[in-house]
C-alpha atoms as a PDB file:
ATOM      1  CA  UNK A   1      16.075  18.766 -25.325  1.00  0.00           C
ATOM      2  CA  UNK A   2      12.471  19.613 -25.929  1.00  0.00           C
ATOM      3  CA  UNK A   3      12.335  16.979 -28.682  1.00  0.00           C
ATOM      4  CA  UNK A   4      12.749  14.383 -25.898  1.00  0.00           C
ATOM      5  CA  UNK A   5      16.212  13.227 -26.970  1.00  0.00           C
ATOM      6  CA  UNK A   6      19.795  13.698 -25.798  1.00  0.00           C
ATOM      7  CA  UNK A   7      22.534  13.705 -28.426  1.00  0.00           C
ATOM      8  CA  UNK A   8      26.232  12.901 -28.217  1.00  0.00           C
ATOM      9  CA  UNK A   9      28.452  14.815 -30.632  1.00  0.00           C
ATOM     10  CA  UNK A  10      32.102  14.425 -31.635  1.00  0.00           C
ATOM     11  CA  UNK A  11      34.112  17.621 -31.385  1.00  0.00           C
ATOM     12  CA  UNK A  12      35.594  19.496 -33.177  1.00  0.00           C
ATOM     13  CA  UNK A  13      34.170  17.712 -36.256  1.00  0.00           C
ATOM     14  CA  UNK A  14      30.583  18.254 -35.091  1.00  0.00           C
ATOM     15  CA  UNK A  15      29.579  14.702 -36.042  1.00  0.00           C
ATOM     16  CA  UNK A  16      26.527  13.171 -34.370  1.00  0.00           C
ATOM     17  CA  UNK A  17      27.614   9.945 -32.652  1.00  0.00           C
ATOM     18  CA  UNK A  18      24.395   8.780 -30.996  1.00  0.00           C
ATOM     19  CA  UNK A  19      20.871   9.855 -30.088  1.00  0.00           C
ATOM     20  CA  UNK A  20      19.514   8.719 -26.717  1.00  0.00           C
ATOM     21  CA  UNK A  21      15.780   8.247 -26.264  1.00  0.00           C
ATOM     22  CA  UNK A  22      13.988   7.828 -22.976  1.00  0.00           C
ATOM     23  CA  UNK A  23      10.384   6.619 -22.640  1.00  0.00           C
ATOM     24  CA  UNK A  24       8.100   9.477 -23.690  1.00  0.00           C
ATOM     25  CA  UNK A  25       4.451  10.393 -23.585  1.00  0.00           C
ATOM     26  CA  UNK A  26       2.109  13.284 -24.232  1.00  0.00           C
ATOM     27  CA  UNK A  27       2.760  16.890 -23.280  1.00  0.00           C
ATOM     28  CA  UNK A  28       6.042  17.370 -21.370  1.00  0.00           C
ATOM     29  CA  UNK A  29       6.352  13.681 -20.466  1.00  0.00           C
ATOM     30  CA  UNK A  30       9.916  12.763 -21.438  1.00  0.00           C
ATOM     31  CA  UNK A  31      11.415  16.206 -22.012  1.00  0.00           C
ATOM     32  CA  UNK A  32      15.085  16.277 -20.976  1.00  0.00           C
ATOM     33  CA  UNK A  33      16.576  19.229 -19.122  1.00  0.00           C
ATOM     34  CA  UNK A  34      19.636  17.824 -17.323  1.00  0.00           C
ATOM     35  CA  UNK A  35      22.439  15.701 -18.802  1.00  0.00           C
ATOM     36  CA  UNK A  36      25.852  14.531 -17.580  1.00  0.00           C
ATOM     37  CA  UNK A  37      28.617  12.627 -19.383  1.00  0.00           C
ATOM     38  CA  UNK A  38      30.905  10.401 -17.311  1.00  0.00           C
ATOM     39  CA  UNK A  39      34.603  11.353 -17.301  1.00  0.00           C
ATOM     40  CA  UNK A  40      35.530   8.267 -19.355  1.00  0.00           C
ATOM     41  CA  UNK A  41      32.758   8.994 -21.870  1.00  0.00           C
ATOM     42  CA  UNK A  42      31.140   5.567 -21.418  1.00  0.00           C
ATOM     43  CA  UNK A  43      27.959   6.690 -19.646  1.00  0.00           C
ATOM     44  CA  UNK A  44      25.484   9.502 -20.089  1.00  0.00           C
ATOM     45  CA  UNK A  45      22.824  10.313 -17.508  1.00  0.00           C
ATOM     46  CA  UNK A  46      19.627  12.184 -18.385  1.00  0.00           C
ATOM     47  CA  UNK A  47      16.617  13.225 -16.391  1.00  0.00           C
ATOM     48  CA  UNK A  48      13.037  12.502 -17.339  1.00  0.00           C
ATOM     49  CA  UNK A  49      10.793  15.335 -16.306  1.00  0.00           C
ATOM     50  CA  UNK A  50       7.062  14.963 -15.919  1.00  0.00           C
ATOM     51  CA  UNK A  51       6.634  11.200 -15.873  1.00  0.00           C
ATOM     52  CA  UNK A  52       3.022  10.987 -14.702  1.00  0.00           C
ATOM     53  CA  UNK A  53       2.154   8.312 -12.158  1.00  0.00           C
ATOM     54  CA  UNK A  54      -1.037   6.332 -11.737  1.00  0.00           C
ATOM     55  CA  UNK A  55      -2.750   9.059  -9.679  1.00  0.00           C
ATOM     56  CA  UNK A  56      -1.705  11.910 -11.984  1.00  0.00           C
ATOM     57  CA  UNK A  57       1.275  12.660  -9.744  1.00  0.00           C
ATOM     58  CA  UNK A  58       4.528  13.775 -11.299  1.00  0.00           C
ATOM     59  CA  UNK A  59       7.221  11.097 -11.138  1.00  0.00           C
ATOM     60  CA  UNK A  60      10.789  11.897 -12.074  1.00  0.00           C
ATOM     61  CA  UNK A  61      13.528   9.489 -13.094  1.00  0.00           C
ATOM     62  CA  UNK A  62      17.163   9.487 -14.155  1.00  0.00           C
ATOM     63  CA  UNK A  63      18.180   7.245 -17.037  1.00  0.00           C
ATOM     64  CA  UNK A  64      21.796   6.090 -17.409  1.00  0.00           C
ATOM     65  CA  UNK A  65      22.804   5.083 -20.935  1.00  0.00           C
ATOM     66  CA  UNK A  66      25.775   3.186 -22.347  1.00  0.00           C
ATOM     67  CA  UNK A  67      27.265   5.576 -24.917  1.00  0.00           C
ATOM     68  CA  UNK A  68      28.539   2.751 -27.162  1.00  0.00           C
ATOM     69  CA  UNK A  69      25.360   0.669 -27.432  1.00  0.00           C
ATOM     70  CA  UNK A  70      22.855   3.434 -26.693  1.00  0.00           C
ATOM     71  CA  UNK A  71      21.006   1.103 -24.332  1.00  0.00           C
ATOM     72  CA  UNK A  72      19.557   2.168 -20.992  1.00  0.00           C
ATOM     73  CA  UNK A  73      21.774   0.699 -18.251  1.00  0.00           C
ATOM     74  CA  UNK A  74      19.556   1.777 -15.377  1.00  0.00           C
ATOM     75  CA  UNK A  75      16.597   3.845 -14.348  1.00  0.00           C
ATOM     76  CA  UNK A  76      16.902   5.634 -11.013  1.00  0.00           C
ATOM     77  CA  UNK A  77      13.780   6.713  -9.174  1.00  0.00           C
ATOM     78  CA  UNK A  78      11.120   7.752  -8.799  1.00  0.00           C
ATOM     79  CA  UNK A  79      12.580  10.899  -7.278  1.00  0.00           C
ATOM     80  CA  UNK A  80      10.649  13.303  -5.032  1.00  0.00           C
ATOM     81  CA  UNK A  81      10.922  16.242  -7.436  1.00  0.00           C
ATOM     82  CA  UNK A  82      12.233  17.427 -10.791  1.00  0.00           C
ATOM     83  CA  UNK A  83      15.959  17.160 -11.530  1.00  0.00           C
ATOM     84  CA  UNK A  84      17.712  20.478 -11.914  1.00  0.00           C
ATOM     85  CA  UNK A  85      21.271  19.323 -12.561  1.00  0.00           C
ATOM     86  CA  UNK A  86      23.289  16.112 -12.972  1.00  0.00           C
ATOM     87  CA  UNK A  87      27.022  15.523 -12.510  1.00  0.00           C
ATOM     88  CA  UNK A  88      29.443  12.614 -12.348  1.00  0.00           C
ATOM     89  CA  UNK A  89      32.346  12.789  -9.909  1.00  0.00           C
ATOM     90  CA  UNK A  90      35.783  13.265 -11.545  1.00  0.00           C
ATOM     91  CA  UNK A  91      36.569   9.555 -11.044  1.00  0.00           C
ATOM     92  CA  UNK A  92      33.131   8.454 -12.349  1.00  0.00           C
ATOM     93  CA  UNK A  93      32.266   6.557  -9.150  1.00  0.00           C
ATOM     94  CA  UNK A  94      29.391   8.817  -8.133  1.00  0.00           C
ATOM     95  CA  UNK A  95      26.398  10.404  -9.814  1.00  0.00           C
ATOM     96  CA  UNK A  96      24.823  13.451  -8.182  1.00  0.00           C
ATOM     97  CA  UNK A  97      21.457  15.079  -8.881  1.00  0.00           C
ATOM     98  CA  UNK A  98      20.302  18.454  -7.645  1.00  0.00           C
ATOM     99  CA  UNK A  99      16.533  18.489  -7.199  1.00  0.00           C
ATOM    100  CA  UNK A 100      14.052  21.349  -7.277  1.00  0.00           C
ATOM    101  CA  UNK A 101      12.620  23.112  -4.264  1.00  0.00           C
ATOM    102  CA  UNK A 102      13.782  21.832  -0.884  1.00  0.00           C
ATOM    103  CA  UNK A 103      14.586  18.287  -2.017  1.00  0.00           C
ATOM    104  CA  UNK A 104      18.348  18.837  -1.980  1.00  0.00           C
ATOM    105  CA  UNK A 105      21.011  16.714  -3.609  1.00  0.00           C
ATOM    106  CA  UNK A 106      20.943  12.946  -4.134  1.00  0.00           C
ATOM    107  CA  UNK A 107      24.068  10.848  -4.587  1.00  0.00           C
ATOM    108  CA  UNK A 108      24.455   7.333  -6.018  1.00  0.00           C
ATOM    109  CA  UNK A 109      27.526   5.071  -6.003  1.00  0.00           C
ATOM    110  CA  UNK A 110      28.521   3.053  -9.050  1.00  0.00           C
ATOM    111  CA  UNK A 111      28.221  -0.671  -8.370  1.00  0.00           C
ATOM    112  CA  UNK A 112      30.732  -3.331  -9.473  1.00  0.00           C
ATOM    113  CA  UNK A 113      28.481  -4.198 -12.444  1.00  0.00           C
ATOM    114  CA  UNK A 114      28.561  -0.562 -13.606  1.00  0.00           C
ATOM    115  CA  UNK A 115      25.029   0.385 -12.544  1.00  0.00           C
ATOM    116  CA  UNK A 116      24.064   3.087 -10.076  1.00  0.00           C
END
């Protein structure tokens, strides 16, 4: 969301279960536009748009959180462009990201330790 958080809700009760926070900064640094929940509900992946690099370049990352602890399990990137969409495969073994412009789709495989 524009408040630089992602939130996990219980349905149909509408109870907030957890708020996920990525590293943030000024301006749009840390705004979240793409989110995916793993099929087993144990992981949530979010993008981090507008992470400015040392030379003022835009750097983009994906953060994968543990939904129980709320901790960041991994940070993927930097990526060559902004993330447009995120999705886990139905079996949870793969994480896909669609990137802006002509940067296509990226795919990561879940490792034995649960990281991508």
